[in-house]
Amino acid sequence: MTTLLVIAKEPLPGRVKTRLTPPFTPHQAAALAEASLTDTLHAVAATPASRRLLVLDGRPGPWLPPGFDVVRQCAGPLDERLADAFAHCAGPALLIGMDTPQVTPALLDVDFADCDAVFGPAEDGGFWALGLAEPDPDLLRGVPMSTPVTGAVQRERLIAAGLRVRDLPRLRDVDIAADAEAVAALAPHGRFAARLARCAPAAAGPGSPSGTGSAARSGPRR
């Protein structure tokens, strides 16, 4: 069975989802980050796995369901932190972030029988999931993160290593307000959608019912 890893940051105001401000306040952005993380963790908890691991920058809170081991993220740039996350695994592992609350157990229940790696591309050019049948941290070190070509470079790194890669569906990360609206519409019954509905009135601006519809897309994240 597979180890499922979630790499995340403690949802504290001013430290998470800063590109949601404006239109949201730092406290609203943190509440949305917590809802996104909670939806993600519950999807992981409902997925068959040999182990569930939260690789956390910060401290766990009441949003963490039972059944997870928690390890601290290492210091350094994102490629080093992702590589270190895989270093905690001895067998097949799938890593995701906290930015895709629309994720489901069906997407996370991967099978490595016909591949050596699974890759989940993100709409912004990054990736939302990376699975390795035999985790090798060096496959991530040196990959440029938060660029329009991050996903392409990471996938090519896998191919260059001779791995058979199976692609997962493309998903949208929550980075900016327009992403939040689009993702909430994909999972309307989740905690993230409910939190967005409560945040929207406070974030509303002139001429926009929710205050989020006119946000422009900026650069991608992992």
Foldseek 3Di string as FASTA:
>chain_A
DAEEEEEEEQLDFPPPLPQQPVLFHSVLRSQLLLQLQLLVQVQVVPADHPAYEYAYDDDDDPSHDPRYHYDYFDDDDPLQRVLVVLVVDAFKYKYFYSFQSLDHNVLVRDDCPPWQKEWAAEPQQATGMIIGGGRDSVLRPPQDWQANPSRVSSVVSCVVVVIGYHYGYYYYGPNYLCSLVVSCVSVVPGSSVVSLVVRQVVSCDPPDSRVRNPDDDDTGGD
